[in-house]
Amino acid sequence: MITHVILKSKSYAYIQIDGAPDLNEYIAAAMRFIDDPDYCRNLNRICDFSDASLSPITLMDVKKFSDFAGEYIPISYHTKIALIAPNFKIKSLCETFMDRIGTGRFQVFGNLEHAKIWIGEQLSLIHI
């Protein structure tokens, strides 16, 4: 399951990935995200993979999703996107995505607290 919360007043979004979604679920969740009336290309984002398993995701899926994201998910050059990757496999796939996407300022973190500090969301975070 992939869910999101947008805090428009803070120009911030939290995206949580739970379980083992496949490529189609990532694309459907991305479309829900950009169709949200509060979405804008300048939203800073935390994508939290702490409770995710990427077992159904292949390197080819990451490449397909990054191509999809590059074409359909508007990201400002200045947008900060923190990816929380609690293990080596997730970190490796996140780094592949970052290398292919070409826009935004990406950073991989091992935990939510460091990601929040980098994003600038130090006081509160809505958990879904």
C-alpha atoms as a PDB file:
ATOM      1  CA  MET A   1       0.000   0.000   0.000  1.00  0.00           C
ATOM      2  CA  ILE A   2       1.266   3.495  -0.852  1.00  0.00           C
ATOM      3  CA  THR A   3      -0.324   6.511   0.802  1.00  0.00           C
ATOM      4  CA  HIS A   4       0.472  10.209   0.980  1.00  0.00           C
ATOM      5  CA  VAL A   5      -0.286  13.313   3.024  1.00  0.00           C
ATOM      6  CA  ILE A   6       0.321  16.812   1.679  1.00  0.00           C
ATOM      7  CA  LEU A   7       0.801  19.723   4.066  1.00  0.00           C
ATOM      8  CA  LYS A   8       0.327  22.515   1.544  1.00  0.00           C
ATOM      9  CA  SER A   9       0.975  25.295   4.067  1.00  0.00           C
ATOM     10  CA  LYS A  10       4.456  23.841   4.672  1.00  0.00           C
ATOM     11  CA  SER A  11       5.065  22.867   1.033  1.00  0.00           C
ATOM     12  CA  TYR A  12       5.699  19.331   2.211  1.00  0.00           C
ATOM     13  CA  ALA A  13       4.482  15.807   1.416  1.00  0.00           C
ATOM     14  CA  TYR A  14       4.971  12.523   3.222  1.00  0.00           C
ATOM     15  CA  ILE A  15       4.668   9.356   1.148  1.00  0.00           C
ATOM     16  CA  GLN A  16       4.609   6.026   2.962  1.00  0.00           C
ATOM     17  CA  ILE A  17       5.206   2.683   1.297  1.00  0.00           C
ATOM     18  CA  ASP A  18       4.016  -0.410   3.183  1.00  0.00           C
ATOM     19  CA  GLY A  19       4.210  -4.037   2.173  1.00  0.00           C
ATOM     20  CA  ALA A  20       5.405  -5.128  -1.248  1.00  0.00           C
ATOM     21  CA  PRO A  21       3.728  -3.049  -3.956  1.00  0.00           C
ATOM     22  CA  ASP A  22       4.507  -3.864  -7.572  1.00  0.00           C
ATOM     23  CA  LEU A  23       5.354  -1.439 -10.379  1.00  0.00           C
ATOM     24  CA  ASN A  24       1.687  -0.870 -11.282  1.00  0.00           C
ATOM     25  CA  GLU A  25       0.904   0.097  -7.680  1.00  0.00           C
ATOM     26  CA  TYR A  26       3.774   2.624  -7.673  1.00  0.00           C
ATOM     27  CA  ILE A  27       2.470   4.183 -10.884  1.00  0.00           C
ATOM     28  CA  ALA A  28      -1.135   4.293  -9.595  1.00  0.00           C
ATOM     29  CA  ALA A  29       0.026   5.899  -6.321  1.00  0.00           C
ATOM     30  CA  ALA A  30       2.081   8.468  -8.222  1.00  0.00           C
ATOM     31  CA  MET A  31      -0.961   9.385 -10.307  1.00  0.00           C
ATOM     32  CA  ARG A  32      -3.090   9.797  -7.143  1.00  0.00           C
ATOM     33  CA  PHE A  33      -0.326  11.992  -5.704  1.00  0.00           C
ATOM     34  CA  ILE A  34      -0.099  14.367  -8.673  1.00  0.00           C
ATOM     35  CA  ASP A  35      -3.897  14.434  -9.024  1.00  0.00           C
ATOM     36  CA  ASP A  36      -4.239  15.601  -5.410  1.00  0.00           C
ATOM     37  CA  PRO A  37      -5.523  19.208  -5.514  1.00  0.00           C
ATOM     38  CA  ASP A  38      -2.765  20.245  -3.078  1.00  0.00           C
ATOM     39  CA  TYR A  39       0.036  18.834  -5.244  1.00  0.00           C
ATOM     40  CA  CYS A  40       2.540  21.210  -6.799  1.00  0.00           C
ATOM     41  CA  ARG A  41       5.952  20.664  -8.347  1.00  0.00           C
ATOM     42  CA  ASN A  42       7.671  22.558  -5.498  1.00  0.00           C
ATOM     43  CA  LEU A  43       6.550  20.205  -2.716  1.00  0.00           C
ATOM     44  CA  ASN A  44       9.434  18.885  -0.658  1.00  0.00           C
ATOM     45  CA  ARG A  45       8.893  15.173  -0.080  1.00  0.00           C
ATOM     46  CA  ILE A  46       9.810  12.313   2.157  1.00  0.00           C
ATOM     47  CA  CYS A  47       9.328   8.888   0.591  1.00  0.00           C
ATOM     48  CA  ASP A  48       9.432   6.440   3.471  1.00  0.00           C
ATOM     49  CA  PHE A  49      10.367   2.849   2.601  1.00  0.00           C
ATOM     50  CA  SER A  50      10.858   1.862   6.281  1.00  0.00           C
ATOM     51  CA  ASP A  51       7.982  -0.636   6.207  1.00  0.00           C
ATOM     52  CA  ALA A  52       8.374  -1.657   2.568  1.00  0.00           C
ATOM     53  CA  SER A  53       9.637  -4.762   0.892  1.00  0.00           C
ATOM     54  CA  LEU A  54      10.922  -4.226  -2.615  1.00  0.00           C
ATOM     55  CA  SER A  55      11.009  -7.950  -3.309  1.00  0.00           C
ATOM     56  CA  PRO A  56       8.687  -7.691  -6.352  1.00  0.00           C
ATOM     57  CA  ILE A  57      10.674  -4.747  -7.795  1.00  0.00           C
ATOM     58  CA  THR A  58      13.422  -5.411 -10.317  1.00  0.00           C
ATOM     59  CA  LEU A  59      16.093  -3.071 -11.626  1.00  0.00           C
ATOM     60  CA  MET A  60      14.086  -2.872 -14.872  1.00  0.00           C
ATOM     61  CA  ASP A  61      11.019  -1.783 -12.832  1.00  0.00           C
ATOM     62  CA  VAL A  62      13.077   1.010 -11.243  1.00  0.00           C
ATOM     63  CA  LYS A  63      14.169   2.155 -14.690  1.00  0.00           C
ATOM     64  CA  LYS A  64      10.584   2.060 -15.979  1.00  0.00           C
ATOM     65  CA  PHE A  65       9.302   3.987 -12.957  1.00  0.00           C
ATOM     66  CA  SER A  66      12.052   6.603 -13.192  1.00  0.00           C
ATOM     67  CA  ASP A  67      11.231   7.101 -16.888  1.00  0.00           C
ATOM     68  CA  PHE A  68       7.542   7.419 -15.966  1.00  0.00           C
ATOM     69  CA  ALA A  69       8.332   9.841 -13.128  1.00  0.00           C
ATOM     70  CA  GLY A  70      10.597  11.952 -15.306  1.00  0.00           C
ATOM     71  CA  GLU A  71       7.815  12.373 -17.832  1.00  0.00           C
ATOM     72  CA  TYR A  72       4.682  12.613 -15.655  1.00  0.00           C
ATOM     73  CA  ILE A  73       5.650  13.815 -12.162  1.00  0.00           C
ATOM     74  CA  PRO A  74       6.641  17.473 -12.258  1.00  0.00           C
ATOM     75  CA  ILE A  75       9.506  18.218  -9.856  1.00  0.00           C
ATOM     76  CA  SER A  76      11.092  21.620  -9.413  1.00  0.00           C
ATOM     77  CA  TYR A  77      14.866  21.779  -9.624  1.00  0.00           C
ATOM     78  CA  HIS A  78      14.926  23.075  -6.013  1.00  0.00           C
ATOM     79  CA  THR A  79      12.565  20.461  -4.566  1.00  0.00           C
ATOM     80  CA  LYS A  80      14.084  18.329  -1.810  1.00  0.00           C
ATOM     81  CA  ILE A  81      13.185  14.651  -1.957  1.00  0.00           C
ATOM     82  CA  ALA A  82      14.309  12.479   0.930  1.00  0.00           C
ATOM     83  CA  LEU A  83      14.222   8.726   0.392  1.00  0.00           C
ATOM     84  CA  ILE A  84      14.261   6.613   3.553  1.00  0.00           C
ATOM     85  CA  ALA A  85      16.014   3.353   2.809  1.00  0.00           C
ATOM     86  CA  PRO A  86      16.543   1.186   5.884  1.00  0.00           C
ATOM     87  CA  ASN A  87      18.597  -1.506   4.144  1.00  0.00           C
ATOM     88  CA  PHE A  88      21.154  -1.955   1.379  1.00  0.00           C
ATOM     89  CA  LYS A  89      18.768  -3.310  -1.283  1.00  0.00           C
ATOM     90  CA  ILE A  90      16.332  -0.415  -0.900  1.00  0.00           C
ATOM     91  CA  LYS A  91      19.204   2.088  -0.791  1.00  0.00           C
ATOM     92  CA  SER A  92      20.669   0.634  -3.976  1.00  0.00           C
ATOM     93  CA  LEU A  93      17.340   0.833  -5.844  1.00  0.00           C
ATOM     94  CA  CYS A  94      16.765   4.394  -4.570  1.00  0.00           C
ATOM     95  CA  GLU A  95      20.201   5.418  -5.819  1.00  0.00           C
ATOM     96  CA  THR A  96      19.419   3.941  -9.246  1.00  0.00           C
ATOM     97  CA  PHE A  97      16.193   5.961  -9.322  1.00  0.00           C
ATOM     98  CA  MET A  98      18.037   9.141  -8.282  1.00  0.00           C
ATOM     99  CA  ASP A  99      20.658   8.680 -10.983  1.00  0.00           C
ATOM    100  CA  ARG A 100      17.985   8.374 -13.676  1.00  0.00           C
ATOM    101  CA  ILE A 101      15.440  11.031 -12.669  1.00  0.00           C
ATOM    102  CA  GLY A 102      17.486  14.157 -13.416  1.00  0.00           C
ATOM    103  CA  THR A 103      15.495  16.785 -11.472  1.00  0.00           C
ATOM    104  CA  GLY A 104      15.088  17.713  -7.837  1.00  0.00           C
ATOM    105  CA  ARG A 105      17.552  17.425  -5.003  1.00  0.00           C
ATOM    106  CA  PHE A 106      17.539  13.833  -3.772  1.00  0.00           C
ATOM    107  CA  GLN A 107      19.132  12.388  -0.664  1.00  0.00           C
ATOM    108  CA  VAL A 108      18.959   8.882   0.819  1.00  0.00           C
ATOM    109  CA  PHE A 109      18.638   8.474   4.602  1.00  0.00           C
ATOM    110  CA  GLY A 110      18.594   5.468   6.894  1.00  0.00           C
ATOM    111  CA  ASN A 111      15.866   6.848   9.146  1.00  0.00           C
ATOM    112  CA  LEU A 112      12.987   9.298   9.287  1.00  0.00           C
ATOM    113  CA  GLU A 113      14.548  11.673  11.820  1.00  0.00           C
ATOM    114  CA  HIS A 114      17.508  12.569   9.587  1.00  0.00           C
ATOM    115  CA  ALA A 115      15.226  12.930   6.567  1.00  0.00           C
ATOM    116  CA  LYS A 116      12.930  15.313   8.482  1.00  0.00           C
ATOM    117  CA  ILE A 117      15.859  17.501   9.519  1.00  0.00           C
ATOM    118  CA  TRP A 118      17.170  17.716   5.948  1.00  0.00           C
ATOM    119  CA  ILE A 119      13.710  18.537   4.594  1.00  0.00           C
ATOM    120  CA  GLY A 120      13.216  21.079   7.378  1.00  0.00           C
ATOM    121  CA  GLU A 121      10.196  19.399   8.917  1.00  0.00           C
ATOM    122  CA  GLN A 122      11.521  19.184  12.472  1.00  0.00           C
ATOM    123  CA  LEU A 123       8.391  19.798  14.525  1.00  0.00           C
ATOM    124  CA  SER A 124       5.651  17.514  13.292  1.00  0.00           C
ATOM    125  CA  LEU A 125       4.987  14.737  10.878  1.00  0.00           C
ATOM    126  CA  ILE A 126       1.640  13.198  10.117  1.00  0.00           C
ATOM    127  CA  HIS A 127       1.782   9.419  10.065  1.00  0.00           C
ATOM    128  CA  ILE A 128      -0.774   7.717   7.884  1.00  0.00           C
END
